[in-house]
Amino acid sequence: MNRETIERLAAEESNPCVTISLNTHRTKPDYQKDRIVLKNLCKEAHDRLVNEFGKRSVRELLKKIENIPDEIDVSMNLDSLHIFLSNHTKEIIKSSWPARSDKVHISKSFALRPLIYALNRTDEYLILLLSQNGVQLFLAQNDKILDEITGNGFPFGENIHFHTDPLKISDPKAVDNMVREFLNKVDKALLKVCKQTGLPCIVISTEDNYSRLMQVVDNRSLYIGFTNINYNNTANHFISSQAWEIIKKVQKERIFEAISEIKKAIPQGKVYTDLQEIYRAAREGRGELLLTSYDFFQAVKMKDDKSFELVQDVTLPGIIDDITSNIAWEVISKNGRALFTQPENLTDLGRIILKVRY
């Protein structure tokens, strides 16, 4: 999931905008049930549109909805499916993250929370593989390798920096120095790639080689983790699964750092927990860090641009099914951060919290 897609969908203001989200399955026979769920959700969207707007004003949109079940190959599903439809837009997005529920959202804007959640849980990074055969560098996203990076010296062949003098070969210190020299060249090549991509790196190697590498690197902050190489299995899918375990830990640390940041801001009067205040501050561009519990959703009816009333029935005309989606995008679009976390992590803070800039 990329930010550009969310920005484009967020810019859509049409009455109505239809968002359909559902959990899906990757394997047969489970994915065959997805088609039935999708058809039922499309029928629900169709009926709600007709009841609220009448057939004439949304004729083209109704046609899009009717065609959706036949346009999606359920055998290619991931873990959730998100469909965004208006008179001007049709976007179908498959995600590796589960949806909150199978749901239809109809409003003046799209429900972007699933995409924002996926964006926050999507990490691109580099994998540096130091093996017996040389050094390779890969571009990875979450648990998958996207490509091998070539250029700037990559891939490196076997370490050619071993002494040919028999006396020096028998000297462990001399050999160790030459290995460090080789790893220093690798680090300098990696530094160039990191500057070009802005991405951090995970190292897969022996513990000895990782220790030597850390002794010669120019910028340790670029290296965010290490895991031992398994010489019996260096296939792409295996090393990416090793790296993904480290990334998941990094993501958890990111959440706990955000919670700590908010707690430190409470004595300064920079933390809001009231939903109306959070919404107004986010709209004004004052939102610096938003934390929302996974299980918190709130439907509202807008009274004006800055205030709303809470409602329970999301099928009523003019209802925003979940205002937290709007708030999260307001924060992100104005260069803030919006994160979601487990409810138990926020027990003493509330279900939605905003740290403001001023």
Protein backbone atom coordinates (compact mmCIF):
# COMPACT_ATOMS: atom_id res chain seq x y z
CA MET A 1 0.00 0.00 0.00
CA ASN A 2 1.46 3.39 -1.00
CA ARG A 3 0.67 6.86 0.19
CA GLU A 4 -0.07 8.13 -3.33
CA THR A 5 -3.07 5.80 -3.64
CA ILE A 6 -4.45 6.97 -0.30
CA GLU A 7 -3.93 10.62 -1.26
CA ARG A 8 -5.83 10.12 -4.51
CA LEU A 9 -8.73 8.38 -2.79
CA ALA A 10 -8.77 10.96 0.02
CA ALA A 11 -9.10 13.75 -2.54
CA GLU A 12 -12.33 12.22 -3.84
CA GLU A 13 -15.36 14.10 -2.59
CA SER A 14 -18.49 12.74 -4.13
CA ASN A 15 -21.90 12.07 -2.72
CA PRO A 16 -21.95 9.14 -2.46
CA CYS A 17 -18.63 7.36 -2.05
CA VAL A 18 -18.95 3.62 -1.45
CA THR A 19 -16.34 1.55 0.39
CA ILE A 20 -16.72 -2.22 0.59
CA SER A 21 -14.31 -4.16 2.83
CA LEU A 22 -14.22 -7.87 3.52
CA ASN A 23 -11.92 -10.55 4.83
CA THR A 24 -10.75 -12.97 2.17
CA HIS A 25 -8.82 -16.22 1.85
CA ARG A 26 -5.77 -17.30 -0.11
CA THR A 27 -6.56 -20.99 -0.57
CA LYS A 28 -9.29 -23.21 -1.94
CA PRO A 29 -12.00 -24.04 -0.90
CA ASP A 30 -12.11 -21.04 1.47
CA TYR A 31 -11.72 -18.41 -1.24
CA GLN A 32 -14.81 -19.78 -3.01
CA LYS A 33 -16.87 -18.48 -0.08
CA ASP A 34 -15.43 -14.99 -0.67
CA ARG A 35 -17.48 -14.61 -3.84
CA ILE A 36 -20.72 -15.19 -1.91
CA VAL A 37 -19.75 -12.66 0.78
CA LEU A 38 -18.78 -10.13 -1.90
CA LYS A 39 -22.09 -10.54 -3.75
CA ASN A 40 -24.02 -10.03 -0.52
CA LEU A 41 -22.07 -6.87 0.33
CA CYS A 42 -22.58 -5.51 -3.18
CA LYS A 43 -26.33 -6.14 -2.86
CA GLU A 44 -26.32 -4.34 0.50
CA ALA A 45 -24.51 -1.36 -1.07
CA HIS A 46 -26.94 -1.39 -4.02
CA ASP A 47 -30.02 -1.41 -1.77
CA ARG A 48 -28.72 1.30 0.54
CA LEU A 49 -27.90 3.56 -2.40
CA VAL A 50 -31.33 3.10 -3.96
CA ASN A 51 -33.06 3.77 -0.62
CA GLU A 52 -31.06 6.91 0.10
CA PHE A 53 -30.52 8.42 -3.34
CA GLY A 54 -32.97 6.76 -5.73
CA LYS A 55 -31.93 4.88 -8.86
CA ARG A 56 -31.69 7.81 -11.29
CA SER A 57 -29.01 9.89 -9.54
CA VAL A 58 -26.68 6.95 -8.95
CA ARG A 59 -27.36 4.91 -12.07
CA GLU A 60 -23.71 4.68 -13.17
CA LEU A 61 -22.53 3.85 -9.68
CA LEU A 62 -25.09 1.06 -9.39
CA LYS A 63 -23.75 -0.46 -12.62
CA LYS A 64 -20.22 -0.46 -11.20
CA ILE A 65 -21.42 -2.25 -8.09
CA GLU A 66 -23.35 -4.84 -10.08
CA ASN A 67 -20.24 -5.67 -12.15
CA ILE A 68 -17.78 -5.94 -9.26
CA PRO A 69 -18.36 -9.63 -8.34
CA ASP A 70 -17.55 -10.71 -11.90
CA GLU A 71 -14.44 -8.53 -12.12
CA ILE A 72 -12.60 -10.03 -9.14
CA ASP A 73 -10.69 -13.29 -9.37
CA VAL A 74 -11.18 -14.71 -5.89
CA SER A 75 -8.47 -17.32 -6.48
CA MET A 76 -5.97 -14.45 -6.30
CA ASN A 77 -7.25 -13.07 -2.99
CA LEU A 78 -4.96 -12.17 -0.09
CA ASP A 79 -6.26 -11.57 3.46
CA SER A 80 -8.70 -8.74 2.76
CA LEU A 81 -10.31 -6.89 -0.11
CA HIS A 82 -11.18 -3.19 -0.25
CA ILE A 83 -13.28 -1.66 -3.02
CA PHE A 84 -13.69 2.09 -3.51
CA LEU A 85 -16.45 3.24 -5.86
CA SER A 86 -17.96 6.58 -6.84
CA ASN A 87 -19.24 8.15 -10.04
CA HIS A 88 -15.62 9.03 -10.89
CA THR A 89 -13.57 6.32 -9.19
CA LYS A 90 -13.15 2.57 -9.12
CA GLU A 91 -10.25 1.20 -7.07
CA ILE A 92 -9.86 -2.43 -6.00
CA ILE A 93 -7.13 -3.16 -3.45
CA LYS A 94 -6.09 -6.54 -2.06
CA SER A 95 -4.30 -6.43 1.28
CA SER A 96 -2.19 -8.80 3.35
CA TRP A 97 -3.83 -7.44 6.52
CA PRO A 98 -7.26 -8.62 7.72
CA ALA A 99 -10.24 -6.28 7.70
CA ARG A 100 -12.08 -5.29 10.88
CA SER A 101 -15.25 -6.86 9.49
CA ASP A 102 -17.18 -7.42 6.28
CA LYS A 103 -18.72 -4.00 5.84
CA VAL A 104 -20.27 -1.44 3.49
CA HIS A 105 -19.50 2.23 4.10
CA ILE A 106 -21.44 4.98 2.29
CA SER A 107 -20.54 8.61 2.85
CA LYS A 108 -19.23 11.75 1.11
CA SER A 109 -15.72 10.33 1.31
CA PHE A 110 -14.08 6.92 1.28
CA ALA A 111 -13.32 4.95 4.45
CA LEU A 112 -9.53 4.87 4.32
CA ARG A 113 -8.73 3.39 7.71
CA PRO A 114 -7.88 -0.11 6.32
CA LEU A 115 -5.41 1.46 3.90
CA ILE A 116 -3.86 3.70 6.54
CA TYR A 117 -3.51 0.67 8.79
CA ALA A 118 -1.85 -1.29 5.99
CA LEU A 119 0.45 1.65 5.20
CA ASN A 120 1.60 1.79 8.82
CA ARG A 121 2.23 -1.95 8.82
CA THR A 122 4.14 -1.96 5.53
CA ASP A 123 7.90 -1.63 5.83
CA GLU A 124 10.41 -1.56 3.01
CA TYR A 125 14.00 -2.35 3.93
CA LEU A 126 17.23 -3.90 2.69
CA ILE A 127 18.56 -7.38 3.43
CA LEU A 128 22.34 -7.79 3.34
CA LEU A 129 23.23 -11.46 2.89
CA LEU A 130 26.84 -12.29 3.79
CA SER A 131 27.33 -15.87 2.65
CA GLN A 132 30.22 -18.18 1.77
CA ASN A 133 29.69 -17.35 -1.90
CA GLY A 134 29.82 -13.59 -1.52
CA VAL A 135 27.52 -10.70 -0.64
CA GLN A 136 24.05 -9.96 -2.03
CA LEU A 137 21.70 -7.08 -1.30
CA PHE A 138 17.92 -7.39 -1.58
CA LEU A 139 15.00 -4.98 -1.48
CA ALA A 140 12.26 -6.39 0.76
CA GLN A 141 8.75 -5.40 1.82
CA ASN A 142 7.37 -7.02 4.95
CA ASP A 143 7.87 -10.78 4.49
CA LYS A 144 8.73 -10.73 0.78
CA ILE A 145 11.83 -9.97 -1.28
CA LEU A 146 10.90 -7.66 -4.13
CA ASP A 147 14.18 -7.57 -6.03
CA GLU A 148 17.93 -8.05 -5.83
CA ILE A 149 19.84 -4.79 -5.92
CA THR A 150 22.75 -4.60 -8.33
CA GLY A 151 25.19 -1.75 -8.83
CA ASN A 152 27.34 0.24 -6.39
CA GLY A 153 29.47 -2.88 -6.13
CA PHE A 154 26.66 -5.37 -5.48
CA PRO A 155 26.74 -8.30 -5.67
CA PHE A 156 30.22 -8.95 -4.27
CA GLY A 157 31.99 -12.19 -5.10
CA GLU A 158 33.97 -14.22 -2.60
CA ASN A 159 36.33 -12.32 -0.31
CA ILE A 160 39.44 -11.79 -2.42
CA HIS A 161 41.25 -10.00 0.39
CA PHE A 162 43.05 -13.02 1.75
CA HIS A 163 46.82 -13.09 1.90
CA THR A 164 48.69 -15.30 -0.54
CA ASP A 165 51.75 -15.34 1.70
CA PRO A 166 51.63 -18.72 3.55
CA LEU A 167 53.03 -17.11 6.68
CA LYS A 168 50.28 -14.50 6.76
CA ILE A 169 47.56 -17.04 5.99
CA SER A 170 48.54 -18.85 9.17
CA ASP A 171 48.27 -15.59 11.11
CA PRO A 172 44.64 -15.30 12.37
CA LYS A 173 45.05 -11.59 13.08
CA ALA A 174 46.20 -10.87 9.52
CA VAL A 175 43.30 -12.87 8.07
CA ASP A 176 40.85 -11.09 10.38
CA ASN A 177 42.17 -7.70 9.24
CA MET A 178 41.64 -8.61 5.61
CA VAL A 179 38.08 -9.76 6.29
CA ARG A 180 37.43 -6.41 8.00
CA GLU A 181 38.83 -4.60 4.98
CA PHE A 182 36.47 -6.52 2.73
CA LEU A 183 33.48 -5.80 5.00
CA ASN A 184 34.43 -2.13 5.09
CA LYS A 185 34.09 -2.03 1.29
CA VAL A 186 30.70 -3.73 1.60
CA ASP A 187 29.59 -1.14 4.16
CA LYS A 188 30.64 1.76 1.95
CA ALA A 189 28.70 0.26 -0.96
CA LEU A 190 25.65 -0.22 1.27
CA LEU A 191 25.91 3.36 2.50
CA LYS A 192 25.50 4.57 -1.10
CA VAL A 193 22.37 2.45 -1.57
CA CYS A 194 20.91 3.63 1.73
CA LYS A 195 21.43 7.26 0.74
CA GLN A 196 19.65 6.61 -2.56
CA THR A 197 16.73 4.69 -1.08
CA GLY A 198 16.44 6.04 2.46
CA LEU A 199 15.97 2.46 3.67
CA PRO A 200 17.47 0.68 6.70
CA CYS A 201 19.17 -2.71 6.53
CA ILE A 202 18.96 -6.13 8.18
CA VAL A 203 22.05 -8.36 8.07
CA ILE A 204 21.96 -12.13 7.63
CA SER A 205 25.38 -13.65 8.31
CA THR A 206 27.40 -15.54 10.87
CA GLU A 207 27.67 -13.86 14.25
CA ASP A 208 31.43 -13.44 13.75
CA ASN A 209 31.04 -11.64 10.44
CA TYR A 210 28.29 -9.42 11.83
CA SER A 211 30.54 -8.49 14.75
CA ARG A 212 33.38 -7.63 12.38
CA LEU A 213 31.02 -5.61 10.18
CA MET A 214 29.81 -3.55 13.14
CA GLN A 215 33.42 -2.71 13.98
CA VAL A 216 34.03 -1.06 10.59
CA VAL A 217 30.70 0.53 9.63
CA ASP A 218 30.43 4.28 9.14
CA ASN A 219 26.80 4.58 10.33
CA ARG A 220 25.49 1.92 12.71
CA SER A 221 21.97 3.41 12.73
CA LEU A 222 21.43 2.10 9.19
CA TYR A 223 21.60 -1.46 10.53
CA ILE A 224 18.42 -2.27 12.44
CA GLY A 225 18.90 -5.96 13.07
CA PHE A 226 20.81 -9.17 12.58
CA THR A 227 19.95 -12.85 12.31
CA ASN A 228 22.15 -15.91 11.90
CA ILE A 229 22.56 -17.34 8.42
CA ASN A 230 21.39 -20.89 7.78
CA TYR A 231 23.73 -22.24 5.12
CA ASN A 232 21.32 -25.10 4.50
CA ASN A 233 18.69 -22.64 3.32
CA THR A 234 19.47 -19.27 1.75
CA ALA A 235 16.46 -19.22 -0.58
CA ASN A 236 14.79 -15.83 -0.90
CA HIS A 237 11.58 -16.84 0.86
CA PHE A 238 13.53 -18.23 3.82
CA ILE A 239 15.81 -15.23 4.40
CA SER A 240 12.87 -12.83 3.96
CA SER A 241 10.92 -14.71 6.64
CA GLN A 242 13.96 -14.41 8.94
CA ALA A 243 14.15 -10.66 8.33
CA TRP A 244 10.39 -10.22 8.75
CA GLU A 245 10.60 -11.45 12.35
CA ILE A 246 13.00 -8.59 13.07
CA ILE A 247 10.77 -6.05 11.31
CA LYS A 248 7.76 -7.12 13.41
CA LYS A 249 9.78 -6.43 16.55
CA VAL A 250 10.74 -3.01 15.15
CA GLN A 251 7.06 -2.24 14.52
CA LYS A 252 6.17 -3.14 18.12
CA GLU A 253 8.97 -0.94 19.40
CA ARG A 254 7.61 1.90 17.26
CA ILE A 255 4.25 1.63 19.04
CA PHE A 256 5.76 1.59 22.53
CA GLU A 257 7.96 4.57 21.67
CA ALA A 258 4.85 6.43 20.49
CA ILE A 259 3.01 5.62 23.73
CA SER A 260 5.99 6.87 25.72
CA GLU A 261 6.10 10.04 23.65
CA ILE A 262 2.43 10.74 24.34
CA LYS A 263 2.77 10.12 28.07
CA LYS A 264 5.65 12.60 28.24
CA ALA A 265 3.48 15.20 26.48
CA ILE A 266 0.56 14.91 28.92
CA PRO A 267 2.06 17.26 31.59
CA GLN A 268 2.66 19.82 28.84
CA GLY A 269 -1.07 19.95 28.01
CA LYS A 270 -0.41 18.67 24.48
CA VAL A 271 -2.58 15.55 24.60
CA TYR A 272 -6.27 15.38 23.66
CA THR A 273 -8.59 12.45 24.37
CA ASP A 274 -11.96 14.06 23.56
CA LEU A 275 -13.09 13.02 20.09
CA GLN A 276 -14.41 16.47 19.12
CA GLU A 277 -11.20 18.18 20.23
CA ILE A 278 -9.12 15.58 18.40
CA TYR A 279 -11.09 16.12 15.20
CA ARG A 280 -10.76 19.90 15.32
CA ALA A 281 -7.04 19.80 16.10
CA ALA A 282 -6.43 17.34 13.26
CA ARG A 283 -8.37 19.55 10.82
CA GLU A 284 -6.33 22.57 11.93
CA GLY A 285 -3.06 20.75 11.21
CA ARG A 286 -2.02 20.56 14.86
CA GLY A 287 -1.98 16.77 15.07
CA GLU A 288 1.54 15.41 15.54
CA LEU A 289 0.88 11.83 16.70
CA LEU A 290 -2.43 9.94 16.74
CA LEU A 291 -2.85 6.61 18.52
CA THR A 292 -6.05 4.63 18.03
CA SER A 293 -7.12 1.31 19.44
CA TYR A 294 -7.82 -1.35 16.80
CA ASP A 295 -11.30 -1.88 18.21
CA PHE A 296 -12.40 1.77 18.33
CA PHE A 297 -14.78 2.98 15.63
CA GLN A 298 -17.33 5.77 15.85
CA ALA A 299 -20.13 6.76 13.48
CA VAL A 300 -21.11 10.44 13.44
CA LYS A 301 -23.38 12.92 11.73
CA MET A 302 -21.70 16.21 10.94
CA LYS A 303 -23.41 19.35 12.27
CA ASP A 304 -20.92 21.68 10.57
CA ASP A 305 -17.27 21.59 9.43
CA LYS A 306 -15.93 21.36 12.97
CA SER A 307 -18.49 19.47 15.03
CA PHE A 308 -20.60 16.33 14.93
CA GLU A 309 -22.97 14.24 16.96
CA LEU A 310 -22.40 10.59 17.75
CA VAL A 311 -24.79 8.06 16.23
CA GLN A 312 -25.23 4.29 16.39
CA ASP A 313 -27.12 3.51 13.17
CA VAL A 314 -24.64 3.72 10.28
CA THR A 315 -27.36 3.12 7.69
CA LEU A 316 -29.01 6.50 8.30
CA PRO A 317 -28.62 9.10 5.51
CA GLY A 318 -25.61 11.40 5.73
CA ILE A 319 -23.74 9.34 8.30
CA ILE A 320 -19.95 8.98 8.41
CA ASP A 321 -19.53 5.36 9.41
CA ASP A 322 -16.21 5.92 11.17
CA ILE A 323 -14.85 9.38 11.96
CA THR A 324 -11.53 7.90 13.10
CA SER A 325 -10.72 7.18 9.45
CA ASN A 326 -11.14 10.87 8.61
CA ILE A 327 -9.12 11.95 11.63
CA ALA A 328 -6.25 9.60 10.83
CA TRP A 329 -5.97 10.93 7.30
CA GLU A 330 -6.17 14.56 8.46
CA VAL A 331 -3.18 13.88 10.71
CA ILE A 332 -1.14 12.02 8.09
CA SER A 333 -1.89 14.46 5.27
CA LYS A 334 -0.60 17.30 7.42
CA ASN A 335 2.73 15.55 8.12
CA GLY A 336 1.71 13.89 11.36
CA ARG A 337 1.77 10.20 12.32
CA ALA A 338 -1.23 7.93 12.86
CA LEU A 339 -0.73 4.52 14.43
CA PHE A 340 -3.07 1.73 15.52
CA THR A 341 -2.41 -0.59 18.43
CA GLN A 342 -3.93 -3.26 20.63
CA PRO A 343 -6.45 -1.89 23.17
CA GLU A 344 -4.49 -3.28 26.13
CA ASN A 345 -1.61 -0.96 25.24
CA LEU A 346 -3.82 2.09 25.79
CA THR A 347 -5.65 1.10 28.97
CA ASP A 348 -4.60 4.18 30.93
CA LEU A 349 -4.82 6.60 28.00
CA GLY A 350 -8.14 5.97 26.27
CA ARG A 351 -9.20 4.50 22.94
CA ILE A 352 -8.05 7.41 20.79
CA ILE A 353 -5.36 9.93 21.76
CA LEU A 354 -3.80 12.84 19.91
CA LYS A 355 -0.57 14.60 20.73
CA VAL A 356 -0.65 18.11 19.26
CA ARG A 357 2.18 20.29 18.08
CA TYR A 358 0.97 23.33 20.04
